[in-house]
Amino acid sequence: MKKYFLSLLLLISSFSYAQDLVYTGYFNNKALSGYDTVAYFTDNKPVVGDKKFVTKYKGADWYFANEEHLALFKLNPEKYAPQYGGYCAWAIGAQSSFASADPEQWAIVNGKLYLNYDADIKAKWDKDPSGFIEKADKVWPKLISE
């Protein structure tokens, strides 16, 4: 009976919880766990955002370290937002699946920000970022439309 109930619960939950366009975790609505997405480009490092500088974009709350970064994002959010909604880029490309991402595990490739799950996954990503991007770009539209 337990197996039946667990199977039913998993089946129902997989249909009832579609993935959001932007990864925010379960307990808040912060994109990038509150890190400043513009800082990756301007400071070349992850920087935690400040609750004084917040905007909404694609249903998530985006935090910034200062007014300048907030203004840059508002002018061109597509330039600064991480690819694949901030989900793990390796998981999207290698497994066609969603996984959370660690804002400390990042790369900018051809002017675009990519995040990965952890340091081990980032090491896998670093072996062929172009290949994973090519695969992920193909599957991402299908993943978010399901």
C-alpha atoms as a PDB file:
ATOM      1  CA  MET A   1       0.000   0.000   0.000  1.00  0.00           C
ATOM      2  CA  LYS A   2       2.860   2.380   0.820  1.00  0.00           C
ATOM      3  CA  LYS A   3       4.425   1.847  -2.604  1.00  0.00           C
ATOM      4  CA  TYR A   4       1.101   2.524  -4.302  1.00  0.00           C
ATOM      5  CA  PHE A   5       0.545   5.721  -2.325  1.00  0.00           C
ATOM      6  CA  LEU A   6       4.098   6.959  -2.935  1.00  0.00           C
ATOM      7  CA  SER A   7       3.848   6.232  -6.664  1.00  0.00           C
ATOM      8  CA  LEU A   8       0.546   8.060  -6.871  1.00  0.00           C
ATOM      9  CA  LEU A   9       1.934  11.035  -4.958  1.00  0.00           C
ATOM     10  CA  LEU A  10       4.973  11.287  -7.258  1.00  0.00           C
ATOM     11  CA  LEU A  11       2.806  11.012 -10.352  1.00  0.00           C
ATOM     12  CA  ILE A  12       0.436  13.740  -9.206  1.00  0.00           C
ATOM     13  CA  SER A  13       3.205  16.083  -8.054  1.00  0.00           C
ATOM     14  CA  SER A  14       5.108  15.810 -11.330  1.00  0.00           C
ATOM     15  CA  PHE A  15       2.063  17.039 -13.235  1.00  0.00           C
ATOM     16  CA  SER A  16       0.993  19.697 -10.786  1.00  0.00           C
ATOM     17  CA  TYR A  17       4.322  21.503 -10.412  1.00  0.00           C
ATOM     18  CA  ALA A  18       5.537  22.921 -13.694  1.00  0.00           C
ATOM     19  CA  GLN A  19       8.946  24.535 -13.698  1.00  0.00           C
ATOM     20  CA  ASP A  20       9.053  28.310 -13.481  1.00  0.00           C
ATOM     21  CA  LEU A  21      10.802  30.270 -16.228  1.00  0.00           C
ATOM     22  CA  VAL A  22      13.305  31.496 -13.641  1.00  0.00           C
ATOM     23  CA  TYR A  23      14.764  29.294 -10.934  1.00  0.00           C
ATOM     24  CA  THR A  24      14.016  30.774  -7.500  1.00  0.00           C
ATOM     25  CA  GLY A  25      14.106  27.832  -5.132  1.00  0.00           C
ATOM     26  CA  TYR A  26      11.203  26.665  -3.021  1.00  0.00           C
ATOM     27  CA  PHE A  27      11.122  29.125  -0.145  1.00  0.00           C
ATOM     28  CA  ASN A  28      11.508  32.536  -1.788  1.00  0.00           C
ATOM     29  CA  ASN A  29      11.120  34.323  -5.094  1.00  0.00           C
ATOM     30  CA  LYS A  30      14.755  35.438  -5.479  1.00  0.00           C
ATOM     31  CA  ALA A  31      16.385  34.895  -8.848  1.00  0.00           C
ATOM     32  CA  LEU A  32      19.996  33.749  -8.482  1.00  0.00           C
ATOM     33  CA  SER A  33      19.452  33.310  -4.731  1.00  0.00           C
ATOM     34  CA  GLY A  34      19.586  37.090  -4.414  1.00  0.00           C
ATOM     35  CA  TYR A  35      22.890  37.554  -6.235  1.00  0.00           C
ATOM     36  CA  ASP A  36      23.367  40.553  -8.546  1.00  0.00           C
ATOM     37  CA  THR A  37      23.271  39.237 -12.125  1.00  0.00           C
ATOM     38  CA  VAL A  38      24.863  42.400 -13.531  1.00  0.00           C
ATOM     39  CA  ALA A  39      27.911  42.035 -11.242  1.00  0.00           C
ATOM     40  CA  TYR A  40      29.049  38.930 -13.129  1.00  0.00           C
ATOM     41  CA  PHE A  41      29.576  41.183 -16.131  1.00  0.00           C
ATOM     42  CA  THR A  42      30.784  44.379 -14.453  1.00  0.00           C
ATOM     43  CA  ASP A  43      32.738  43.039 -11.462  1.00  0.00           C
ATOM     44  CA  ASN A  44      33.645  39.644 -12.961  1.00  0.00           C
ATOM     45  CA  LYS A  45      32.488  37.895  -9.783  1.00  0.00           C
ATOM     46  CA  PRO A  46      29.326  36.932  -7.901  1.00  0.00           C
ATOM     47  CA  VAL A  47      28.061  39.692  -5.614  1.00  0.00           C
ATOM     48  CA  VAL A  48      25.114  39.421  -3.243  1.00  0.00           C
ATOM     49  CA  GLY A  49      22.370  41.924  -4.026  1.00  0.00           C
ATOM     50  CA  ASP A  50      20.805  44.401  -1.619  1.00  0.00           C
ATOM     51  CA  LYS A  51      17.097  44.417  -0.740  1.00  0.00           C
ATOM     52  CA  LYS A  52      17.068  48.182  -1.474  1.00  0.00           C
ATOM     53  CA  PHE A  53      17.646  47.472  -5.174  1.00  0.00           C
ATOM     54  CA  VAL A  54      15.042  44.976  -6.422  1.00  0.00           C
ATOM     55  CA  THR A  55      12.936  44.595  -9.550  1.00  0.00           C
ATOM     56  CA  LYS A  56      10.526  41.985 -10.912  1.00  0.00           C
ATOM     57  CA  TYR A  57      11.273  40.177 -14.152  1.00  0.00           C
ATOM     58  CA  LYS A  58       9.653  36.994 -15.508  1.00  0.00           C
ATOM     59  CA  GLY A  59       7.840  36.486 -12.220  1.00  0.00           C
ATOM     60  CA  ALA A  60      10.969  36.552 -10.034  1.00  0.00           C
ATOM     61  CA  ASP A  61      12.575  39.133  -7.762  1.00  0.00           C
ATOM     62  CA  TRP A  62      16.005  40.244  -8.966  1.00  0.00           C
ATOM     63  CA  TYR A  63      18.402  41.822  -6.447  1.00  0.00           C
ATOM     64  CA  PHE A  64      21.273  44.177  -7.225  1.00  0.00           C
ATOM     65  CA  ALA A  65      24.244  45.543  -5.320  1.00  0.00           C
ATOM     66  CA  ASN A  66      23.551  49.145  -6.297  1.00  0.00           C
ATOM     67  CA  GLU A  67      21.304  51.512  -8.244  1.00  0.00           C
ATOM     68  CA  GLU A  68      23.599  51.456 -11.283  1.00  0.00           C
ATOM     69  CA  HIS A  69      23.303  47.677 -11.684  1.00  0.00           C
ATOM     70  CA  LEU A  70      19.545  47.839 -11.226  1.00  0.00           C
ATOM     71  CA  ALA A  71      19.315  50.494 -13.946  1.00  0.00           C
ATOM     72  CA  LEU A  72      21.500  48.473 -16.340  1.00  0.00           C
ATOM     73  CA  PHE A  73      19.316  45.408 -15.843  1.00  0.00           C
ATOM     74  CA  LYS A  74      16.114  47.357 -16.396  1.00  0.00           C
ATOM     75  CA  LEU A  75      17.506  48.731 -19.675  1.00  0.00           C
ATOM     76  CA  ASN A  76      18.385  45.285 -21.019  1.00  0.00           C
ATOM     77  CA  PRO A  77      17.371  42.321 -18.832  1.00  0.00           C
ATOM     78  CA  GLU A  78      17.993  39.774 -21.610  1.00  0.00           C
ATOM     79  CA  LYS A  79      21.644  40.817 -21.705  1.00  0.00           C
ATOM     80  CA  TYR A  80      22.195  40.165 -18.001  1.00  0.00           C
ATOM     81  CA  ALA A  81      19.760  37.403 -17.027  1.00  0.00           C
ATOM     82  CA  PRO A  82      21.331  33.953 -16.877  1.00  0.00           C
ATOM     83  CA  GLN A  83      20.566  31.545 -19.652  1.00  0.00           C
ATOM     84  CA  TYR A  84      17.942  28.835 -19.122  1.00  0.00           C
ATOM     85  CA  GLY A  85      16.297  30.845 -16.366  1.00  0.00           C
ATOM     86  CA  GLY A  86      19.200  30.348 -13.994  1.00  0.00           C
ATOM     87  CA  TYR A  87      18.779  26.575 -13.893  1.00  0.00           C
ATOM     88  CA  CYS A  88      21.907  24.433 -14.167  1.00  0.00           C
ATOM     89  CA  ALA A  89      23.141  24.822 -17.738  1.00  0.00           C
ATOM     90  CA  TRP A  90      24.878  21.440 -17.699  1.00  0.00           C
ATOM     91  CA  ALA A  91      21.674  19.650 -16.625  1.00  0.00           C
ATOM     92  CA  ILE A  92      19.700  21.332 -19.404  1.00  0.00           C
ATOM     93  CA  GLY A  93      22.323  20.459 -22.043  1.00  0.00           C
ATOM     94  CA  ALA A  94      23.524  17.056 -20.860  1.00  0.00           C
ATOM     95  CA  GLN A  95      20.315  15.592 -19.452  1.00  0.00           C
ATOM     96  CA  SER A  96      17.483  17.720 -20.851  1.00  0.00           C
ATOM     97  CA  SER A  97      16.318  18.241 -17.284  1.00  0.00           C
ATOM     98  CA  PHE A  98      15.948  20.938 -14.659  1.00  0.00           C
ATOM     99  CA  ALA A  99      18.338  21.266 -11.727  1.00  0.00           C
ATOM    100  CA  SER A 100      19.009  24.091  -9.330  1.00  0.00           C
ATOM    101  CA  ALA A 101      22.146  26.171  -9.726  1.00  0.00           C
ATOM    102  CA  ASP A 102      24.727  27.649  -7.396  1.00  0.00           C
ATOM    103  CA  PRO A 103      25.411  31.343  -8.156  1.00  0.00           C
ATOM    104  CA  GLU A 104      29.043  30.722  -7.201  1.00  0.00           C
ATOM    105  CA  GLN A 105      29.423  28.230 -10.105  1.00  0.00           C
ATOM    106  CA  TRP A 106      29.211  30.378 -13.198  1.00  0.00           C
ATOM    107  CA  ALA A 107      30.713  31.195 -16.576  1.00  0.00           C
ATOM    108  CA  ILE A 108      30.247  33.875 -19.180  1.00  0.00           C
ATOM    109  CA  VAL A 109      30.452  32.408 -22.671  1.00  0.00           C
ATOM    110  CA  ASN A 110      30.027  34.663 -25.709  1.00  0.00           C
ATOM    111  CA  GLY A 111      28.581  37.412 -23.530  1.00  0.00           C
ATOM    112  CA  LYS A 112      25.974  35.201 -21.829  1.00  0.00           C
ATOM    113  CA  LEU A 113      25.812  34.039 -18.219  1.00  0.00           C
ATOM    114  CA  TYR A 114      25.519  30.331 -17.404  1.00  0.00           C
ATOM    115  CA  LEU A 115      25.152  28.770 -13.951  1.00  0.00           C
ATOM    116  CA  ASN A 116      25.822  25.236 -12.768  1.00  0.00           C
ATOM    117  CA  TYR A 117      24.707  23.027  -9.889  1.00  0.00           C
ATOM    118  CA  ASP A 118      28.002  22.697  -8.000  1.00  0.00           C
ATOM    119  CA  ALA A 119      31.783  22.630  -8.510  1.00  0.00           C
ATOM    120  CA  ASP A 120      31.808  19.022  -9.782  1.00  0.00           C
ATOM    121  CA  ILE A 121      29.148  19.753 -12.390  1.00  0.00           C
ATOM    122  CA  LYS A 122      30.917  23.001 -13.312  1.00  0.00           C
ATOM    123  CA  ALA A 123      34.077  20.942 -13.984  1.00  0.00           C
ATOM    124  CA  LYS A 124      32.073  18.746 -16.382  1.00  0.00           C
ATOM    125  CA  TRP A 125      30.597  21.876 -18.012  1.00  0.00           C
ATOM    126  CA  ASP A 126      34.075  23.387 -18.455  1.00  0.00           C
ATOM    127  CA  LYS A 127      35.164  20.434 -20.596  1.00  0.00           C
ATOM    128  CA  ASP A 128      32.771  21.400 -23.429  1.00  0.00           C
ATOM    129  CA  PRO A 129      30.726  24.542 -22.762  1.00  0.00           C
ATOM    130  CA  SER A 130      30.001  25.116 -26.450  1.00  0.00           C
ATOM    131  CA  GLY A 131      28.702  21.574 -26.869  1.00  0.00           C
ATOM    132  CA  PHE A 132      26.459  21.808 -23.813  1.00  0.00           C
ATOM    133  CA  ILE A 133      25.178  25.215 -24.930  1.00  0.00           C
ATOM    134  CA  GLU A 134      24.351  23.878 -28.375  1.00  0.00           C
ATOM    135  CA  LYS A 135      22.370  20.980 -26.886  1.00  0.00           C
ATOM    136  CA  ALA A 136      20.704  23.131 -24.225  1.00  0.00           C
ATOM    137  CA  ASP A 137      19.637  25.771 -26.752  1.00  0.00           C
ATOM    138  CA  LYS A 138      17.787  23.040 -28.652  1.00  0.00           C
ATOM    139  CA  VAL A 139      15.982  21.493 -25.676  1.00  0.00           C
ATOM    140  CA  TRP A 140      15.266  24.602 -23.585  1.00  0.00           C
ATOM    141  CA  PRO A 141      12.240  25.764 -25.630  1.00  0.00           C
ATOM    142  CA  LYS A 142      10.711  22.273 -25.342  1.00  0.00           C
ATOM    143  CA  LEU A 143      11.369  22.056 -21.600  1.00  0.00           C
ATOM    144  CA  ILE A 144       9.680  25.343 -20.788  1.00  0.00           C
ATOM    145  CA  SER A 145       6.677  24.680 -23.018  1.00  0.00           C
ATOM    146  CA  GLU A 146       5.771  21.358 -21.392  1.00  0.00           C
END
